[in-house]
């Protein structure tokens, strides 16, 4: 019976269809589709030679690189399950994920081996010979290239079905310990095909990936291009310098990038440099993780003349739920658009499960072919996130009369001050429009009188003449009701703002850090 081909199977097809097309590039290397397929087959056979079998987990603690892409592809060909781990995590956090996932092998970049060495005695499921290093050799690790060199280039004979698990990716833990999200091959196949249509991608496109490949955004968009026969340029996730990004765009003729608002702010800071570069190859841009303000959208479109700007809403569990298309950007500011192609429907429900009316706030639920399977080992949390077949990531939203959706805030970020409800995103939007503010997070801190006090944590745009606390509070006076205005504003550096791997601000982590470490009045 015919069925959809997963990413690993499609790689074999693309090696025949596009023998001269570059599939993967990074700063120093370039591989065509046949070259990538041969290397991936070698890695696949090497992993199977360890005694691993379908369903076994392979953990990766890797920076953005050709190698992490190869592991994704090799697990897709063999029925193994990849467990991507955020390289920014502490040893204790890495230990939790490796053990919770039951990983039997671990592949790490050389710079992360000290982290692994410190926790290695506690990793009971990883075999003693199943530790691998990418980069410089390390004692106690098999070197990646040496490991795959002697293996056969033939196609693995594993039978992998679309419904089989492929990725076990852990959430950022915004509301507690990270949860393992089990995603199938077919949920990713749906994403690749739906987004090729929704965004109009084809085999001539070149994607620049700067988001960490331990995050779902990158596994979605990078592999969309690998699936359809395009080119993916892999950029180190910890290195985002506007000048360098512009140089890559010009040199590699990049046609698409997915970025977060913070990235766009950094790019706009080098607007003068952009005038020296030919960035006309860029046809489409995506902004995700947080809404872009009107001034930023206008600046982006001025920065990249003729570009089509998209915004999208989704989650690790649900994939992309809604898309705001280029022609709706200005008339529907703050919106996340309509349902993505293939998403069955979006519902906004109250606490009793009833659909709310137009303009009313409720919890956003969706269902569709990109949905995850389950939270690993957490059946009660899986059940709690669904109402029947409908999934919620815990976001509050409203729908306007034209059917466009708008995210109000995370349900867990809601501030209750003096009995009034305050949504941090509303206050952040106002303060973020201050010319001296680079970024801002609003949290509710404990307060004897109000229960919670609305508090701003501001990253100023520069050291020269930054705004004062009084200026920030006064700026809100005519724009927000008194109970929504911050009672205090504290200035922090970009490094002090806790974020997920995709750049989202961790309000809960910020609140906990402040409560435990500062005596703020």
Protein backbone atom coordinates (compact mmCIF):
# COMPACT_ATOMS: atom_id res chain seq x y z
CA UNK A 1 0.00 0.00 0.00
CA UNK A 2 1.35 3.42 -0.95
CA UNK A 3 2.06 5.88 1.85
CA UNK A 4 3.83 9.16 2.41
CA UNK A 5 7.63 9.01 2.45
CA UNK A 6 9.34 10.31 5.55
CA UNK A 7 12.32 12.65 5.46
CA UNK A 8 14.91 9.85 5.32
CA UNK A 9 13.12 8.09 2.48
CA UNK A 10 12.70 11.37 0.62
CA UNK A 11 16.43 11.99 0.87
CA UNK A 12 17.03 8.87 -1.22
CA UNK A 13 14.60 10.16 -3.85
CA UNK A 14 16.13 13.63 -3.90
CA UNK A 15 19.61 12.15 -4.34
CA UNK A 16 18.35 10.83 -7.70
CA UNK A 17 16.17 13.80 -8.65
CA UNK A 18 18.69 16.52 -7.77
CA UNK A 19 22.18 15.01 -8.21
CA UNK A 20 23.89 18.38 -8.58
CA UNK A 21 21.86 20.40 -6.05
CA UNK A 22 23.54 21.42 -2.80
CA UNK A 23 21.43 20.02 0.01
CA UNK A 24 23.41 21.24 3.04
CA UNK A 25 25.93 23.99 3.61
CA UNK A 26 27.60 25.54 6.58
CA UNK A 27 30.40 28.03 6.99
CA UNK A 28 33.08 25.63 5.76
CA UNK A 29 31.37 22.74 3.95
CA UNK A 30 28.95 21.98 1.15
CA UNK A 31 27.24 18.66 0.33
CA UNK A 32 25.05 17.69 -2.61
CA UNK A 33 22.01 15.46 -2.13
CA UNK A 34 23.90 12.27 -3.20
CA UNK A 35 26.77 13.15 -0.83
CA UNK A 36 24.41 13.76 2.09
CA UNK A 37 22.53 10.51 1.35
CA UNK A 38 25.76 8.48 1.37
CA UNK A 39 26.93 10.02 4.66
CA UNK A 40 23.52 9.53 6.26
CA UNK A 41 23.40 5.87 5.17
CA UNK A 42 26.82 5.33 6.74
CA UNK A 43 25.66 6.91 9.99
CA UNK A 44 22.44 4.88 9.93
CA UNK A 45 24.30 1.57 9.60
CA UNK A 46 26.81 2.67 12.26
CA UNK A 47 24.05 3.39 14.76
CA UNK A 48 22.36 0.07 14.05
CA UNK A 49 25.71 -1.70 14.58
CA UNK A 50 25.53 -0.62 18.24
CA UNK A 51 22.61 -2.99 18.73
CA UNK A 52 20.06 -0.18 18.57
CA UNK A 53 16.70 -1.04 17.05
CA UNK A 54 13.52 0.69 15.98
CA UNK A 55 12.17 2.97 18.70
CA UNK A 56 15.46 3.32 20.59
CA UNK A 57 16.47 6.86 21.48
CA UNK A 58 19.60 8.73 20.36
CA UNK A 59 20.31 11.93 22.31
CA UNK A 60 22.22 14.77 20.65
CA UNK A 61 23.94 17.66 22.42
CA UNK A 62 25.06 19.46 19.30
CA UNK A 63 25.40 23.03 18.10
CA UNK A 64 23.89 23.84 14.69
CA UNK A 65 25.95 21.85 12.19
CA UNK A 66 25.81 19.47 9.25
CA UNK A 67 26.23 16.61 11.76
CA UNK A 68 23.04 17.29 13.71
CA UNK A 69 21.12 17.36 10.42
CA UNK A 70 22.68 14.01 9.53
CA UNK A 71 21.54 12.48 12.83
CA UNK A 72 17.97 13.64 12.18
CA UNK A 73 18.10 12.05 8.73
CA UNK A 74 19.75 8.82 9.90
CA UNK A 75 17.16 8.27 12.62
CA UNK A 76 14.43 8.89 10.05
CA UNK A 77 15.87 6.13 7.85
CA UNK A 78 16.20 3.59 10.67
CA UNK A 79 13.15 4.08 12.88
CA UNK A 80 15.33 5.33 15.72
CA UNK A 81 14.09 8.33 17.71
CA UNK A 82 16.23 11.46 18.01
CA UNK A 83 16.28 13.40 21.30
CA UNK A 84 17.64 16.90 20.57
CA UNK A 85 18.93 18.64 23.70
CA UNK A 86 19.36 22.39 24.05
CA UNK A 87 23.12 23.02 24.30
CA UNK A 88 22.46 25.95 26.66
CA UNK A 89 21.19 23.66 29.42
CA UNK A 90 23.09 22.87 32.59
CA UNK A 91 24.48 19.41 33.31
CA UNK A 92 21.62 18.68 35.69
CA UNK A 93 19.06 19.59 33.03
CA UNK A 94 20.83 17.49 30.39
CA UNK A 95 20.94 14.56 32.80
CA UNK A 96 17.18 14.77 33.36
CA UNK A 97 16.41 14.68 29.63
CA UNK A 98 18.83 11.86 28.80
CA UNK A 99 17.47 9.69 31.60
CA UNK A 100 13.81 10.61 31.16
CA UNK A 101 13.99 9.84 27.44
CA UNK A 102 15.69 6.44 28.00
CA UNK A 103 18.37 7.41 25.48
CA UNK A 104 20.79 4.58 24.66
CA UNK A 105 23.38 6.67 22.79
CA UNK A 106 24.62 10.25 23.07
CA UNK A 107 26.36 12.39 20.45
CA UNK A 108 27.95 15.66 21.61
CA UNK A 109 30.14 18.42 20.24
CA UNK A 110 33.61 18.45 21.80
CA UNK A 111 32.94 21.67 23.74
CA UNK A 112 30.04 20.00 25.56
CA UNK A 113 31.92 16.87 26.67
CA UNK A 114 32.85 18.40 30.08
CA UNK A 115 29.12 18.72 30.76
CA UNK A 116 28.55 15.12 29.73
CA UNK A 117 31.56 13.86 31.73
CA UNK A 118 30.20 15.43 34.92
CA UNK A 119 26.90 13.54 34.63
CA UNK A 120 28.07 10.40 32.86
CA UNK A 121 28.03 8.18 35.97
CA UNK A 122 24.32 8.97 36.33
CA UNK A 123 23.31 8.11 32.75
CA UNK A 124 22.27 4.52 33.26
CA UNK A 125 20.76 3.77 29.84
CA UNK A 126 23.62 4.97 27.64
CA UNK A 127 26.03 2.11 26.93
CA UNK A 128 29.71 2.72 27.79
CA UNK A 129 30.68 2.52 24.11
CA UNK A 130 27.75 4.64 22.93
CA UNK A 131 29.23 8.09 23.55
CA UNK A 132 30.32 10.01 20.45
CA UNK A 133 32.07 13.31 19.87
CA UNK A 134 31.90 15.69 16.92
CA UNK A 135 35.05 17.78 16.52
CA UNK A 136 38.25 17.23 18.46
CA UNK A 137 38.85 13.74 19.87
CA UNK A 138 38.04 13.21 23.53
CA UNK A 139 38.97 10.31 25.79
CA UNK A 140 36.04 7.98 26.37
CA UNK A 141 34.24 9.02 23.18
CA UNK A 142 34.13 7.60 19.68
CA UNK A 143 35.02 10.20 17.10
CA UNK A 144 32.05 10.80 14.77
CA UNK A 145 33.85 10.72 11.40
CA UNK A 146 35.92 7.68 12.33
CA UNK A 147 32.77 5.92 13.52
CA UNK A 148 30.93 6.28 10.21
CA UNK A 149 33.89 5.99 7.83
CA UNK A 150 33.97 2.21 7.49
CA UNK A 151 30.20 1.68 7.26
CA UNK A 152 28.39 0.74 4.06
CA UNK A 153 26.67 3.34 1.88
CA UNK A 154 23.75 1.06 1.06
CA UNK A 155 20.21 2.02 2.05
CA UNK A 156 19.12 0.68 5.48
CA UNK A 157 16.46 -2.02 5.27
CA UNK A 158 14.46 -0.80 8.27
CA UNK A 159 10.70 -0.56 7.83
CA UNK A 160 9.57 2.85 9.04
CA UNK A 161 5.87 3.75 8.99
CA UNK A 162 4.51 7.33 8.87
CA UNK A 163 2.86 6.88 12.27
CA UNK A 164 6.11 5.80 13.95
CA UNK A 165 7.73 8.18 16.44
CA UNK A 166 10.69 10.13 15.08
CA UNK A 167 11.43 13.06 17.41
CA UNK A 168 11.24 13.24 21.20
CA UNK A 169 11.78 16.95 21.81
CA UNK A 170 11.58 18.54 25.24
CA UNK A 171 9.66 21.72 25.90
CA UNK A 172 11.44 24.68 27.41
CA UNK A 173 9.85 24.14 30.80
CA UNK A 174 7.99 27.45 31.02
CA UNK A 175 5.60 25.93 33.54
CA UNK A 176 7.78 23.37 35.34
CA UNK A 177 10.03 20.47 34.34
CA UNK A 178 10.41 20.06 30.58
CA UNK A 179 7.98 17.61 29.01
CA UNK A 180 9.01 15.21 26.27
CA UNK A 181 6.89 15.81 23.17
CA UNK A 182 6.61 12.72 20.97
CA UNK A 183 6.22 13.62 17.29
CA UNK A 184 5.64 11.17 14.44
CA UNK A 185 7.03 11.15 10.93
CA UNK A 186 3.62 11.90 9.45
CA UNK A 187 3.16 15.03 11.57
CA UNK A 188 6.35 16.41 10.04
CA UNK A 189 5.49 15.27 6.53
CA UNK A 190 2.23 17.21 6.91
CA UNK A 191 4.17 20.29 7.96
CA UNK A 192 6.57 20.14 5.00
CA UNK A 193 3.82 19.77 2.40
CA UNK A 194 1.38 22.22 3.99
CA UNK A 195 4.00 24.91 4.36
CA UNK A 196 5.39 24.40 0.89
CA UNK A 197 1.89 25.40 -0.25
CA UNK A 198 1.15 28.04 2.42
CA UNK A 199 4.47 29.84 1.85
CA UNK A 200 5.00 28.92 -1.80
CA UNK A 201 8.36 27.17 -1.37
CA UNK A 202 10.00 25.11 -4.15
CA UNK A 203 13.24 23.28 -4.95
CA UNK A 204 14.97 26.49 -6.05
CA UNK A 205 14.70 28.07 -2.60
CA UNK A 206 17.65 28.48 -0.24
CA UNK A 207 16.88 28.63 3.49
CA UNK A 208 19.19 30.25 6.01
CA UNK A 209 18.72 28.54 9.37
CA UNK A 210 19.91 30.52 12.39
CA UNK A 211 17.50 29.06 14.96
CA UNK A 212 18.86 26.19 17.10
CA UNK A 213 18.20 22.75 15.62
CA UNK A 214 17.30 21.51 19.09
CA UNK A 215 14.12 23.57 18.67
CA UNK A 216 11.01 22.64 16.71
CA UNK A 217 11.04 25.79 14.55
CA UNK A 218 14.28 24.69 12.90
CA UNK A 219 13.29 21.06 12.48
CA UNK A 220 10.18 22.28 10.70
CA UNK A 221 11.62 24.86 8.35
CA UNK A 222 15.11 23.50 7.69
CA UNK A 223 13.75 20.11 6.73
CA UNK A 224 10.94 21.54 4.61
CA UNK A 225 13.67 22.47 2.12
CA UNK A 226 15.46 19.13 2.46
CA UNK A 227 12.13 17.41 1.79
CA UNK A 228 11.23 19.38 -1.34
CA UNK A 229 14.75 19.44 -2.79
CA UNK A 230 15.91 22.93 -1.84
CA UNK A 231 19.07 24.02 -0.06
CA UNK A 232 19.55 24.54 3.69
CA UNK A 233 22.38 26.73 4.96
CA UNK A 234 23.12 25.93 8.63
CA UNK A 235 24.37 28.85 10.71
CA UNK A 236 25.65 28.56 14.33
CA UNK A 237 22.71 29.30 16.61
CA UNK A 238 24.81 31.25 19.11
CA UNK A 239 26.23 33.60 16.53
CA UNK A 240 23.86 36.29 15.25
CA UNK A 241 25.70 39.34 14.00
CA UNK A 242 23.75 41.46 11.58
CA UNK A 243 26.72 42.17 9.33
CA UNK A 244 27.54 38.46 9.02
CA UNK A 245 23.93 37.52 8.26
CA UNK A 246 23.83 40.12 5.47
CA UNK A 247 27.08 38.78 4.03
CA UNK A 248 25.66 35.23 3.98
CA UNK A 249 22.43 36.40 2.33
CA UNK A 250 24.39 38.11 -0.43
CA UNK A 251 26.92 35.30 -0.94
CA UNK A 252 24.51 32.35 -0.78
CA UNK A 253 21.53 34.05 -2.46
CA UNK A 254 19.27 33.19 0.48
CA UNK A 255 15.57 33.28 -0.37
CA UNK A 256 13.97 32.54 3.04
CA UNK A 257 14.73 33.07 6.74
CA UNK A 258 12.68 32.37 9.87
CA UNK A 259 13.56 34.82 12.65
CA UNK A 260 12.19 36.10 15.95
CA UNK A 261 11.59 39.82 16.65
CA UNK A 262 14.87 40.06 18.58
CA UNK A 263 16.77 38.93 15.47
CA UNK A 264 14.98 41.51 13.34
CA UNK A 265 15.89 44.23 15.85
CA UNK A 266 19.55 43.25 15.59
CA UNK A 267 19.36 43.30 11.79
CA UNK A 268 17.71 46.71 11.75
CA UNK A 269 20.57 48.03 13.87
CA UNK A 270 22.88 47.57 10.88
CA UNK A 271 20.60 49.24 8.34
CA UNK A 272 23.47 51.29 6.95
CA UNK A 273 25.47 48.12 6.31
CA UNK A 274 22.50 46.69 4.42
CA UNK A 275 22.81 49.43 1.82
CA UNK A 276 26.22 48.00 0.89
CA UNK A 277 24.85 44.50 0.34
CA UNK A 278 22.71 42.93 -2.33
CA UNK A 279 19.89 41.30 -0.35
CA UNK A 280 17.46 41.18 -3.27
CA UNK A 281 17.48 37.34 -3.24
CA UNK A 282 15.27 37.35 -0.13
CA UNK A 283 11.70 36.65 -1.23
CA UNK A 284 10.01 35.53 1.98
CA UNK A 285 10.55 36.18 5.70
CA UNK A 286 8.84 34.63 8.70
CA UNK A 287 8.44 36.27 12.10
CA UNK A 288 7.44 33.93 14.92
CA UNK A 289 7.50 33.52 18.73
CA UNK A 290 6.11 37.01 19.34
CA UNK A 291 4.14 39.59 17.34
CA UNK A 292 6.10 42.26 15.46
CA UNK A 293 5.09 45.88 16.00
CA UNK A 294 3.99 48.07 13.09
CA UNK A 295 7.20 50.12 13.12
CA UNK A 296 9.27 46.94 12.98
CA UNK A 297 7.22 45.52 10.09
CA UNK A 298 7.62 48.72 8.09
CA UNK A 299 11.35 48.76 8.81
CA UNK A 300 11.72 45.11 7.75
CA UNK A 301 9.94 45.73 4.45
CA UNK A 302 12.10 48.80 3.85
CA UNK A 303 15.20 46.78 4.76
CA UNK A 304 14.27 44.00 2.30
CA UNK A 305 12.47 45.70 -0.63
CA UNK A 306 9.77 43.57 -2.21
CA UNK A 307 9.87 40.90 0.51
CA UNK A 308 6.79 38.91 1.54
CA UNK A 309 6.52 39.00 5.34
CA UNK A 310 4.67 36.21 7.13
CA UNK A 311 3.84 35.71 10.80
CA UNK A 312 2.88 32.39 12.30
CA UNK A 313 1.52 31.00 15.54
CA UNK A 314 2.12 27.46 16.68
CA UNK A 315 3.79 25.28 19.27
CA UNK A 316 6.07 22.28 19.68
CA UNK A 317 2.97 20.15 20.14
CA UNK A 318 0.64 21.56 17.48
CA UNK A 319 2.95 22.65 14.70
CA UNK A 320 1.83 25.78 12.88
CA UNK A 321 -1.77 26.64 13.72
CA UNK A 322 -2.31 30.00 12.04
CA UNK A 323 -0.52 32.13 9.44
CA UNK A 324 -0.79 35.86 8.79
CA UNK A 325 -0.13 36.39 5.09
CA UNK A 326 1.82 39.33 3.60
CA UNK A 327 -1.28 41.11 2.24
CA UNK A 328 -2.87 41.21 5.72
CA UNK A 329 0.16 42.53 7.64
CA UNK A 330 -0.82 46.18 7.89
CA UNK A 331 -4.60 45.85 8.11
CA UNK A 332 -4.47 43.17 10.84
CA UNK A 333 -1.69 44.37 13.12
CA UNK A 334 -1.24 42.14 16.16
CA UNK A 335 -3.13 39.28 14.54
CA UNK A 336 -1.80 35.75 14.05
CA UNK A 337 -3.93 35.32 10.95
CA UNK A 338 -6.22 32.53 9.81
CA UNK A 339 -5.94 28.77 10.29
CA UNK A 340 -2.96 27.21 8.53
CA UNK A 341 -3.78 25.05 5.52
CA UNK A 342 -4.64 21.59 6.84
CA UNK A 343 -5.57 22.76 10.33
CA UNK A 344 -9.09 21.44 10.85
CA UNK A 345 -10.31 24.31 12.95
CA UNK A 346 -9.45 26.64 15.79
CA UNK A 347 -11.74 27.05 18.78
CA UNK A 348 -11.64 29.60 21.58
CA UNK A 349 -13.25 28.16 24.68
CA UNK A 350 -14.09 29.42 28.16
CA UNK A 351 -13.25 27.46 31.31
CA UNK A 352 -16.40 25.37 30.94
CA UNK A 353 -15.52 24.38 27.38
CA UNK A 354 -18.02 26.66 25.66
CA UNK A 355 -17.04 28.68 22.60
CA UNK A 356 -16.76 32.39 23.35
CA UNK A 357 -18.18 35.17 21.20
CA UNK A 358 -16.42 37.50 18.77
CA UNK A 359 -13.88 39.67 20.60
CA UNK A 360 -14.10 37.70 23.84
CA UNK A 361 -11.03 36.11 25.43
CA UNK A 362 -10.73 32.37 25.92
CA UNK A 363 -8.26 29.51 25.60
CA UNK A 364 -7.19 28.61 22.07
CA UNK A 365 -7.63 24.98 20.94
CA UNK A 366 -6.77 23.43 17.59
CA UNK A 367 -6.54 20.11 15.82
CA UNK A 368 -4.95 18.99 12.57
CA UNK A 369 -2.37 16.70 10.93
CA UNK A 370 0.64 18.41 12.54
CA UNK A 371 -0.39 17.49 16.12
CA UNK A 372 1.99 15.58 18.38
CA UNK A 373 1.25 12.09 19.70
CA UNK A 374 1.74 12.40 23.46
CA UNK A 375 3.86 13.71 26.31
CA UNK A 376 6.41 10.97 26.99
CA UNK A 377 5.56 9.00 30.16
CA UNK A 378 2.99 11.65 31.13
CA UNK A 379 -0.47 10.31 30.21
CA UNK A 380 -2.20 12.59 32.71
CA UNK A 381 -0.58 15.72 31.22
CA UNK A 382 -1.40 14.52 27.72
CA UNK A 383 -5.03 14.11 28.71
CA UNK A 384 -5.11 17.48 30.48
CA UNK A 385 -3.94 19.32 27.35
CA UNK A 386 -6.83 18.01 25.24
CA UNK A 387 -10.58 18.48 25.15
CA UNK A 388 -11.48 15.45 23.08
CA UNK A 389 -9.42 15.78 19.90
CA UNK A 390 -8.71 19.47 20.52
CA UNK A 391 -5.31 20.53 21.88
CA UNK A 392 -4.35 23.68 23.81
CA UNK A 393 -0.84 24.98 24.41
CA UNK A 394 -2.23 27.21 27.18
CA UNK A 395 -2.56 30.44 25.18
CA UNK A 396 -5.39 32.93 25.60
CA UNK A 397 -6.78 34.45 22.41
CA UNK A 398 -9.66 36.30 20.80
CA UNK A 399 -11.20 36.25 17.31
CA UNK A 400 -12.36 39.35 15.45
CA UNK A 401 -15.43 39.72 13.23
CA UNK A 402 -13.39 38.84 10.13
CA UNK A 403 -12.20 35.54 11.61
CA UNK A 404 -8.64 36.64 12.40
CA UNK A 405 -7.10 35.45 15.67
CA UNK A 406 -5.04 37.40 18.18
CA UNK A 407 -2.99 35.92 21.01
CA UNK A 408 -3.65 37.80 24.23
CA UNK A 409 -1.11 36.05 26.46
CA UNK A 410 -0.05 32.82 28.06
CA UNK A 411 -2.66 31.58 30.50
CA UNK A 412 0.07 31.15 33.13
CA UNK A 413 1.35 34.71 32.63
CA UNK A 414 -1.93 36.34 33.67
CA UNK A 415 -1.43 38.94 36.43
CA UNK A 416 -4.21 39.55 38.95
CA UNK A 417 -3.69 42.88 40.67
CA UNK A 418 -6.34 44.30 43.00
CA UNK A 419 -8.82 41.84 41.49
CA UNK A 420 -8.20 43.10 37.94
CA UNK A 421 -6.77 40.91 35.16
CA UNK A 422 -3.70 42.24 33.35
CA UNK A 423 -2.24 40.54 30.28
CA UNK A 424 1.54 41.17 30.15
CA UNK A 425 1.63 41.23 26.34
CA UNK A 426 -0.64 44.30 26.28
CA UNK A 427 1.68 46.24 28.57
CA UNK A 428 4.76 44.94 26.75
CA UNK A 429 3.38 46.20 23.45
CA UNK A 430 3.05 49.73 24.84
CA UNK A 431 6.45 49.89 26.56
CA UNK A 432 8.10 48.18 23.61
CA UNK A 433 7.05 51.11 21.41
CA UNK A 434 9.17 53.51 23.50
CA UNK A 435 12.08 54.66 21.29
CA UNK A 436 14.61 53.86 24.00
CA UNK A 437 13.44 50.29 24.65
CA UNK A 438 14.99 47.27 22.93
CA UNK A 439 12.87 44.64 24.69
CA UNK A 440 10.66 44.32 27.75
CA UNK A 441 9.03 41.67 29.94
CA UNK A 442 6.11 42.29 32.28
CA UNK A 443 5.62 40.04 35.32
CA UNK A 444 3.51 40.14 38.45
CA UNK A 445 5.55 40.28 41.66
CA UNK A 446 4.07 39.59 45.13
CA UNK A 447 2.55 42.69 46.73
CA UNK A 448 0.92 43.02 50.16
CA UNK A 449 -1.82 45.39 49.03
CA UNK A 450 -2.53 44.40 45.41
CA UNK A 451 -1.70 40.70 45.54
CA UNK A 452 0.55 41.16 42.50
CA UNK A 453 2.26 44.31 41.27
CA UNK A 454 2.74 44.86 37.56
CA UNK A 455 6.51 45.13 37.12
CA UNK A 456 8.55 45.91 34.00
CA UNK A 457 11.99 44.53 33.19
CA UNK A 458 13.44 46.61 30.40
CA UNK A 459 16.40 46.10 28.09
CA UNK A 460 17.35 49.61 26.88
CA UNK A 461 18.40 50.16 23.28
CA UNK A 462 21.77 51.62 24.18
CA UNK A 463 23.95 52.92 26.97
CA UNK A 464 23.76 56.51 25.70
CA UNK A 465 20.89 58.30 27.39
CA UNK A 466 18.72 55.27 28.31
CA UNK A 467 15.19 55.96 29.63
CA UNK A 468 14.59 56.23 33.36
CA UNK A 469 12.05 54.34 35.46
CA UNK A 470 9.94 57.47 35.73
CA UNK A 471 9.94 57.94 31.95
CA UNK A 472 8.81 54.37 31.35
CA UNK A 473 5.92 54.65 33.81
CA UNK A 474 4.92 58.09 32.50
CA UNK A 475 5.00 56.77 28.92
CA UNK A 476 2.17 54.39 29.84
CA UNK A 477 -0.05 57.04 31.43
CA UNK A 478 -2.24 57.90 28.45
CA UNK A 479 -2.02 54.45 26.88
CA UNK A 480 -3.04 52.08 29.68
CA UNK A 481 -5.53 52.01 32.52
CA UNK A 482 -3.98 52.82 35.89
CA UNK A 483 -4.12 49.23 37.14
CA UNK A 484 -2.25 48.00 34.03
CA UNK A 485 0.64 50.44 34.36
CA UNK A 486 3.84 49.10 35.92
CA UNK A 487 4.40 49.99 39.54
CA UNK A 488 8.14 49.71 38.94
CA UNK A 489 10.58 49.39 36.04
CA UNK A 490 13.96 47.68 36.37
CA UNK A 491 16.68 47.79 33.73
CA UNK A 492 18.55 44.61 32.83
CA UNK A 493 21.03 43.45 30.21
CA UNK A 494 20.08 41.13 27.31
CA UNK A 495 21.95 38.31 29.05
CA UNK A 496 19.79 38.65 32.17
CA UNK A 497 16.55 38.06 30.26
CA UNK A 498 15.70 34.33 30.46
CA UNK A 499 14.59 32.91 27.13
CA UNK A 500 13.72 29.65 25.46
CA UNK A 501 15.84 28.25 22.64
CA UNK A 502 13.53 30.00 20.17
CA UNK A 503 13.95 33.37 21.89
CA UNK A 504 10.65 33.52 23.78
CA UNK A 505 10.89 35.27 27.15
CA UNK A 506 10.45 32.93 30.11
CA UNK A 507 8.19 35.07 32.30
CA UNK A 508 7.91 32.40 34.96
CA UNK A 509 11.68 31.97 35.22
CA UNK A 510 12.16 35.74 35.38
CA UNK A 511 9.55 36.05 38.13
CA UNK A 512 11.07 33.21 40.17
CA UNK A 513 14.59 34.56 39.76
CA UNK A 514 13.57 38.00 40.94
CA UNK A 515 11.55 36.76 43.90
CA UNK A 516 14.40 34.54 45.09
CA UNK A 517 17.30 36.93 44.52
CA UNK A 518 16.07 40.50 44.95
CA UNK A 519 14.27 42.56 47.56
CA UNK A 520 12.22 44.71 45.22
CA UNK A 521 9.66 47.11 46.64
